[in-house]
Amino acid sequence: MKNVEVVDAKELEVKPFSIDDFLEDKIQENFLKSVTKKELKALAKKLDLDYDNAQIAFTKKLLHALVVYR
């Protein structure tokens, strides 16, 4: 049986949700690795997705922007 502690609402701290609070530094360092078009094509084939070169280029730019502006 678990212990339950009842607290007053004034005792709680409320702050906005931030995904960075749940990510470890190791994950963020690995995320900074540049992704090649060849890797994206291989991933698309592995996931059995249809793609063309424009979509691969857009995805690469999108991932790069996510890393740069993070």
PDB file of N, CA and C in Angstrom:
ATOM      1  N   MET A   1       0.842  -1.164   0.000  1.00  0.00           N
ATOM      2  CA  MET A   1       0.000   0.000   0.000  1.00  0.00           C
ATOM      3  C   MET A   1       0.894   1.236   0.000  1.00  0.00           C
ATOM      4  N   LYS A   2       0.526   2.237  -0.800  1.00  0.00           N
ATOM      5  CA  LYS A   2       1.326   3.453  -0.906  1.00  0.00           C
ATOM      6  C   LYS A   2       0.811   4.517   0.047  1.00  0.00           C
ATOM      7  N   ASN A   3       1.746   5.311   0.529  1.00  0.00           N
ATOM      8  CA  ASN A   3       1.372   6.426   1.384  1.00  0.00           C
ATOM      9  C   ASN A   3       0.962   7.608   0.522  1.00  0.00           C
ATOM     10  N   VAL A   4      -0.083   8.275   0.927  1.00  0.00           N
ATOM     11  CA  VAL A   4      -0.577   9.435   0.204  1.00  0.00           C
ATOM     12  C   VAL A   4      -0.469  10.640   1.126  1.00  0.00           C
ATOM     13  N   GLU A   5       0.102  11.715   0.589  1.00  0.00           N
ATOM     14  CA  GLU A   5       0.229  12.935   1.371  1.00  0.00           C
ATOM     15  C   GLU A   5      -0.709  13.983   0.797  1.00  0.00           C
ATOM     16  N   VAL A   6      -1.567  14.516   1.612  1.00  0.00           N
ATOM     17  CA  VAL A   6      -2.509  15.538   1.191  1.00  0.00           C
ATOM     18  C   VAL A   6      -1.871  16.897   1.482  1.00  0.00           C
ATOM     19  N   VAL A   7      -1.825  17.752   0.444  1.00  0.00           N
ATOM     20  CA  VAL A   7      -1.231  19.070   0.599  1.00  0.00           C
ATOM     21  C   VAL A   7      -2.225  20.136   0.167  1.00  0.00           C
ATOM     22  N   ASP A   8      -1.994  21.330   0.634  1.00  0.00           N
ATOM     23  CA  ASP A   8      -2.832  22.463   0.262  1.00  0.00           C
ATOM     24  C   ASP A   8      -2.416  22.947  -1.128  1.00  0.00           C
ATOM     25  N   ALA A   9      -3.337  23.477  -1.903  1.00  0.00           N
ATOM     26  CA  ALA A   9      -3.036  23.948  -3.251  1.00  0.00           C
ATOM     27  C   ALA A   9      -1.990  25.059  -3.235  1.00  0.00           C
ATOM     28  N   LYS A  10      -1.921  25.816  -2.165  1.00  0.00           N
ATOM     29  CA  LYS A  10      -0.958  26.914  -2.075  1.00  0.00           C
ATOM     30  C   LYS A  10       0.475  26.398  -1.948  1.00  0.00           C
ATOM     31  N   GLU A  11       0.646  25.165  -1.557  1.00  0.00           N
ATOM     32  CA  GLU A  11       1.977  24.585  -1.384  1.00  0.00           C
ATOM     33  C   GLU A  11       2.574  24.068  -2.690  1.00  0.00           C
ATOM     34  N   LEU A  12       1.768  23.961  -3.726  1.00  0.00           N
ATOM     35  CA  LEU A  12       2.238  23.425  -4.998  1.00  0.00           C
ATOM     36  C   LEU A  12       2.879  24.511  -5.845  1.00  0.00           C
ATOM     37  N   GLU A  13       3.909  24.130  -6.568  1.00  0.00           N
ATOM     38  CA  GLU A  13       4.562  25.044  -7.497  1.00  0.00           C
ATOM     39  C   GLU A  13       4.141  24.647  -8.912  1.00  0.00           C
ATOM     40  N   VAL A  14       3.631  25.598  -9.665  1.00  0.00           N
ATOM     41  CA  VAL A  14       3.185  25.337 -11.033  1.00  0.00           C
ATOM     42  C   VAL A  14       4.089  26.110 -11.977  1.00  0.00           C
ATOM     43  N   LYS A  15       4.656  25.388 -12.952  1.00  0.00           N
ATOM     44  CA  LYS A  15       5.492  26.045 -13.948  1.00  0.00           C
ATOM     45  C   LYS A  15       5.210  25.414 -15.304  1.00  0.00           C
ATOM     46  N   PRO A  16       5.517  26.123 -16.396  1.00  0.00           N
ATOM     47  CA  PRO A  16       5.221  25.603 -17.735  1.00  0.00           C
ATOM     48  C   PRO A  16       6.000  24.330 -18.036  1.00  0.00           C
ATOM     49  N   PHE A  17       5.430  23.500 -18.873  1.00  0.00           N
ATOM     50  CA  PHE A  17       6.063  22.261 -19.299  1.00  0.00           C
ATOM     51  C   PHE A  17       7.222  22.572 -20.244  1.00  0.00           C
ATOM     52  N   SER A  18       8.363  21.984 -20.007  1.00  0.00           N
ATOM     53  CA  SER A  18       9.520  22.137 -20.875  1.00  0.00           C
ATOM     54  C   SER A  18      10.102  20.757 -21.149  1.00  0.00           C
ATOM     55  N   ILE A  19      10.172  20.386 -22.415  1.00  0.00           N
ATOM     56  CA  ILE A  19      10.680  19.064 -22.775  1.00  0.00           C
ATOM     57  C   ILE A  19      12.146  18.913 -22.367  1.00  0.00           C
ATOM     58  N   ASP A  20      12.891  20.028 -22.300  1.00  0.00           N
ATOM     59  CA  ASP A  20      14.301  19.968 -21.916  1.00  0.00           C
ATOM     60  C   ASP A  20      14.493  19.466 -20.490  1.00  0.00           C
ATOM     61  N   ASP A  21      13.481  19.624 -19.661  1.00  0.00           N
ATOM     62  CA  ASP A  21      13.576  19.129 -18.287  1.00  0.00           C
ATOM     63  C   ASP A  21      13.632  17.603 -18.235  1.00  0.00           C
ATOM     64  N   PHE A  22      13.190  16.939 -19.304  1.00  0.00           N
ATOM     65  CA  PHE A  22      13.112  15.481 -19.311  1.00  0.00           C
ATOM     66  C   PHE A  22      14.189  14.837 -20.168  1.00  0.00           C
ATOM     67  N   LEU A  23      14.978  15.636 -20.875  1.00  0.00           N
ATOM     68  CA  LEU A  23      16.023  15.103 -21.742  1.00  0.00           C
ATOM     69  C   LEU A  23      17.355  15.106 -21.017  1.00  0.00           C
ATOM     70  N   GLU A  24      18.123  14.085 -21.248  1.00  0.00           N
ATOM     71  CA  GLU A  24      19.463  14.013 -20.676  1.00  0.00           C
ATOM     72  C   GLU A  24      20.447  14.667 -21.634  1.00  0.00           C
ATOM     73  N   ASP A  25      21.562  15.128 -21.106  1.00  0.00           N
ATOM     74  CA  ASP A  25      22.570  15.779 -21.933  1.00  0.00           C
ATOM     75  C   ASP A  25      23.116  14.852 -23.010  1.00  0.00           C
ATOM     76  N   LYS A  26      23.251  13.571 -22.700  1.00  0.00           N
ATOM     77  CA  LYS A  26      23.774  12.619 -23.676  1.00  0.00           C
ATOM     78  C   LYS A  26      22.862  12.534 -24.893  1.00  0.00           C
ATOM     79  N   ILE A  27      21.574  12.568 -24.666  1.00  0.00           N
ATOM     80  CA  ILE A  27      20.632  12.499 -25.776  1.00  0.00           C
ATOM     81  C   ILE A  27      20.761  13.746 -26.632  1.00  0.00           C
ATOM     82  N   GLN A  28      20.888  14.900 -26.017  1.00  0.00           N
ATOM     83  CA  GLN A  28      21.014  16.140 -26.764  1.00  0.00           C
ATOM     84  C   GLN A  28      22.312  16.170 -27.564  1.00  0.00           C
ATOM     85  N   GLU A  29      23.415  15.653 -27.010  1.00  0.00           N
ATOM     86  CA  GLU A  29      24.676  15.617 -27.737  1.00  0.00           C
ATOM     87  C   GLU A  29      24.559  14.720 -28.964  1.00  0.00           C
ATOM     88  N   ASN A  30      23.918  13.589 -28.835  1.00  0.00           N
ATOM     89  CA  ASN A  30      23.749  12.682 -29.964  1.00  0.00           C
ATOM     90  C   ASN A  30      22.833  13.279 -31.015  1.00  0.00           C
ATOM     91  N   PHE A  31      21.898  14.107 -30.581  1.00  0.00           N
ATOM     92  CA  PHE A  31      20.952  14.703 -31.510  1.00  0.00           C
ATOM     93  C   PHE A  31      21.626  15.728 -32.415  1.00  0.00           C
ATOM     94  N   LEU A  32      22.749  16.286 -31.959  1.00  0.00           N
ATOM     95  CA  LEU A  32      23.438  17.308 -32.736  1.00  0.00           C
ATOM     96  C   LEU A  32      24.174  16.726 -33.937  1.00  0.00           C
ATOM     97  N   LYS A  33      24.245  15.421 -34.039  1.00  0.00           N
ATOM     98  CA  LYS A  33      24.917  14.785 -35.167  1.00  0.00           C
ATOM     99  C   LYS A  33      24.183  15.133 -36.457  1.00  0.00           C
ATOM    100  N   SER A  34      24.935  15.474 -37.466  1.00  0.00           N
ATOM    101  CA  SER A  34      24.344  15.817 -38.756  1.00  0.00           C
ATOM    102  C   SER A  34      23.801  14.557 -39.430  1.00  0.00           C
ATOM    103  N   VAL A  35      22.661  14.673 -40.041  1.00  0.00           N
ATOM    104  CA  VAL A  35      22.031  13.552 -40.724  1.00  0.00           C
ATOM    105  C   VAL A  35      22.239  13.729 -42.223  1.00  0.00           C
ATOM    106  N   THR A  36      22.662  12.663 -42.873  1.00  0.00           N
ATOM    107  CA  THR A  36      22.893  12.724 -44.318  1.00  0.00           C
ATOM    108  C   THR A  36      21.637  12.292 -45.067  1.00  0.00           C
ATOM    109  N   LYS A  37      21.594  12.682 -46.334  1.00  0.00           N
ATOM    110  CA  LYS A  37      20.462  12.283 -47.180  1.00  0.00           C
ATOM    111  C   LYS A  37      20.434  10.762 -47.342  1.00  0.00           C
ATOM    112  N   LYS A  38      21.599  10.168 -47.399  1.00  0.00           N
ATOM    113  CA  LYS A  38      21.691   8.710 -47.540  1.00  0.00           C
ATOM    114  C   LYS A  38      21.054   8.021 -46.331  1.00  0.00           C
ATOM    115  N   GLU A  39      21.324   8.547 -45.128  1.00  0.00           N
ATOM    116  CA  GLU A  39      20.725   7.976 -43.916  1.00  0.00           C
ATOM    117  C   GLU A  39      19.213   8.166 -43.906  1.00  0.00           C
ATOM    118  N   LEU A  40      18.754   9.332 -44.363  1.00  0.00           N
ATOM    119  CA  LEU A  40      17.309   9.580 -44.414  1.00  0.00           C
ATOM    120  C   LEU A  40      16.621   8.643 -45.404  1.00  0.00           C
ATOM    121  N   LYS A  41      17.266   8.421 -46.541  1.00  0.00           N
ATOM    122  CA  LYS A  41      16.695   7.496 -47.535  1.00  0.00           C
ATOM    123  C   LYS A  41      16.645   6.077 -46.977  1.00  0.00           C
ATOM    124  N   ALA A  42      17.702   5.667 -46.281  1.00  0.00           N
ATOM    125  CA  ALA A  42      17.735   4.328 -45.697  1.00  0.00           C
ATOM    126  C   ALA A  42      16.645   4.183 -44.636  1.00  0.00           C
ATOM    127  N   LEU A  43      16.443   5.213 -43.836  1.00  0.00           N
ATOM    128  CA  LEU A  43      15.395   5.180 -42.821  1.00  0.00           C
ATOM    129  C   LEU A  43      14.013   5.113 -43.469  1.00  0.00           C
ATOM    130  N   ALA A  44      13.806   5.876 -44.532  1.00  0.00           N
ATOM    131  CA  ALA A  44      12.522   5.851 -45.227  1.00  0.00           C
ATOM    132  C   ALA A  44      12.256   4.473 -45.816  1.00  0.00           C
ATOM    133  N   LYS A  45      13.272   3.852 -46.388  1.00  0.00           N
ATOM    134  CA  LYS A  45      13.106   2.503 -46.935  1.00  0.00           C
ATOM    135  C   LYS A  45      12.808   1.503 -45.822  1.00  0.00           C
ATOM    136  N   LYS A  46      13.513   1.642 -44.703  1.00  0.00           N
ATOM    137  CA  LYS A  46      13.300   0.740 -43.569  1.00  0.00           C
ATOM    138  C   LYS A  46      11.876   0.848 -43.037  1.00  0.00           C
ATOM    139  N   LEU A  47      11.340   2.080 -43.025  1.00  0.00           N
ATOM    140  CA  LEU A  47       9.974   2.301 -42.541  1.00  0.00           C
ATOM    141  C   LEU A  47       8.928   2.100 -43.633  1.00  0.00           C
ATOM    142  N   ASP A  48       9.396   1.724 -44.825  1.00  0.00           N
ATOM    143  CA  ASP A  48       8.519   1.467 -45.973  1.00  0.00           C
ATOM    144  C   ASP A  48       7.696   2.711 -46.332  1.00  0.00           C
ATOM    145  N   LEU A  49       8.378   3.863 -46.405  1.00  0.00           N
ATOM    146  CA  LEU A  49       7.732   5.127 -46.747  1.00  0.00           C
ATOM    147  C   LEU A  49       8.074   5.520 -48.173  1.00  0.00           C
ATOM    148  N   ASP A  50       7.134   6.126 -48.854  1.00  0.00           N
ATOM    149  CA  ASP A  50       7.391   6.676 -50.180  1.00  0.00           C
ATOM    150  C   ASP A  50       8.024   8.052 -50.010  1.00  0.00           C
ATOM    151  N   TYR A  51       8.990   8.384 -50.856  1.00  0.00           N
ATOM    152  CA  TYR A  51       9.675   9.666 -50.752  1.00  0.00           C
ATOM    153  C   TYR A  51      10.249  10.039 -52.105  1.00  0.00           C
ATOM    154  N   ASP A  52      10.591  11.326 -52.241  1.00  0.00           N
ATOM    155  CA  ASP A  52      11.353  11.783 -53.393  1.00  0.00           C
ATOM    156  C   ASP A  52      12.476  12.685 -52.879  1.00  0.00           C
ATOM    157  N   ASN A  53      13.326  13.126 -53.778  1.00  0.00           N
ATOM    158  CA  ASN A  53      14.493  13.912 -53.360  1.00  0.00           C
ATOM    159  C   ASN A  53      14.099  15.227 -52.692  1.00  0.00           C
ATOM    160  N   ALA A  54      13.004  15.834 -53.119  1.00  0.00           N
ATOM    161  CA  ALA A  54      12.557  17.092 -52.512  1.00  0.00           C
ATOM    162  C   ALA A  54      12.160  16.871 -51.051  1.00  0.00           C
ATOM    163  N   GLN A  55      11.484  15.777 -50.780  1.00  0.00           N
ATOM    164  CA  GLN A  55      11.082  15.483 -49.403  1.00  0.00           C
ATOM    165  C   GLN A  55      12.289  15.188 -48.519  1.00  0.00           C
ATOM    166  N   ILE A  56      13.273  14.476 -49.061  1.00  0.00           N
ATOM    167  CA  ILE A  56      14.486  14.173 -48.302  1.00  0.00           C
ATOM    168  C   ILE A  56      15.240  15.474 -47.994  1.00  0.00           C
ATOM    169  N   ALA A  57      15.352  16.364 -48.982  1.00  0.00           N
ATOM    170  CA  ALA A  57      16.042  17.643 -48.774  1.00  0.00           C
ATOM    171  C   ALA A  57      15.314  18.486 -47.733  1.00  0.00           C
ATOM    172  N   PHE A  58      13.983  18.519 -47.802  1.00  0.00           N
ATOM    173  CA  PHE A  58      13.193  19.285 -46.833  1.00  0.00           C
ATOM    174  C   PHE A  58      13.378  18.728 -45.420  1.00  0.00           C
ATOM    175  N   THR A  59      13.369  17.417 -45.293  1.00  0.00           N
ATOM    176  CA  THR A  59      13.542  16.782 -43.983  1.00  0.00           C
ATOM    177  C   THR A  59      14.912  17.094 -43.405  1.00  0.00           C
ATOM    178  N   LYS A  60      15.934  17.065 -44.251  1.00  0.00           N
ATOM    179  CA  LYS A  60      17.292  17.386 -43.793  1.00  0.00           C
ATOM    180  C   LYS A  60      17.358  18.830 -43.304  1.00  0.00           C
ATOM    181  N   LYS A  61      16.755  19.766 -44.047  1.00  0.00           N
ATOM    182  CA  LYS A  61      16.740  21.170 -43.635  1.00  0.00           C
ATOM    183  C   LYS A  61      15.956  21.359 -42.339  1.00  0.00           C
ATOM    184  N   LEU A  62      14.862  20.640 -42.211  1.00  0.00           N
ATOM    185  CA  LEU A  62      14.036  20.747 -41.012  1.00  0.00           C
ATOM    186  C   LEU A  62      14.794  20.247 -39.779  1.00  0.00           C
ATOM    187  N   LEU A  63      15.469  19.122 -39.899  1.00  0.00           N
ATOM    188  CA  LEU A  63      16.256  18.593 -38.783  1.00  0.00           C
ATOM    189  C   LEU A  63      17.415  19.523 -38.432  1.00  0.00           C
ATOM    190  N   HIS A  64      18.042  20.092 -39.451  1.00  0.00           N
ATOM    191  CA  HIS A  64      19.133  21.030 -39.205  1.00  0.00           C
ATOM    192  C   HIS A  64      18.624  22.271 -38.462  1.00  0.00           C
ATOM    193  N   ALA A  65      17.465  22.791 -38.874  1.00  0.00           N
ATOM    194  CA  ALA A  65      16.897  23.962 -38.219  1.00  0.00           C
ATOM    195  C   ALA A  65      16.531  23.646 -36.776  1.00  0.00           C
ATOM    196  N   LEU A  66      16.053  22.459 -36.518  1.00  0.00           N
ATOM    197  CA  LEU A  66      15.694  22.058 -35.162  1.00  0.00           C
ATOM    198  C   LEU A  66      16.924  22.058 -34.266  1.00  0.00           C
ATOM    199  N   VAL A  67      18.051  21.604 -34.786  1.00  0.00           N
ATOM    200  CA  VAL A  67      19.289  21.566 -34.006  1.00  0.00           C
ATOM    201  C   VAL A  67      19.839  22.974 -33.801  1.00  0.00           C
ATOM    202  N   VAL A  68      19.824  23.783 -34.844  1.00  0.00           N
ATOM    203  CA  VAL A  68      20.413  25.127 -34.782  1.00  0.00           C
ATOM    204  C   VAL A  68      19.620  26.035 -33.838  1.00  0.00           C
ATOM    205  N   TYR A  69      18.305  26.006 -33.920  1.00  0.00           N
ATOM    206  CA  TYR A  69      17.482  26.938 -33.162  1.00  0.00           C
ATOM    207  C   TYR A  69      17.057  26.394 -31.807  1.00  0.00           C
ATOM    208  N   ARG A  70      17.608  25.280 -31.414  1.00  0.00           N
ATOM    209  CA  ARG A  70      17.272  24.681 -30.125  1.00  0.00           C
ATOM    210  C   ARG A  70      17.936  25.384 -29.031  1.00  0.00           C
TER     211      ARG A  70
END
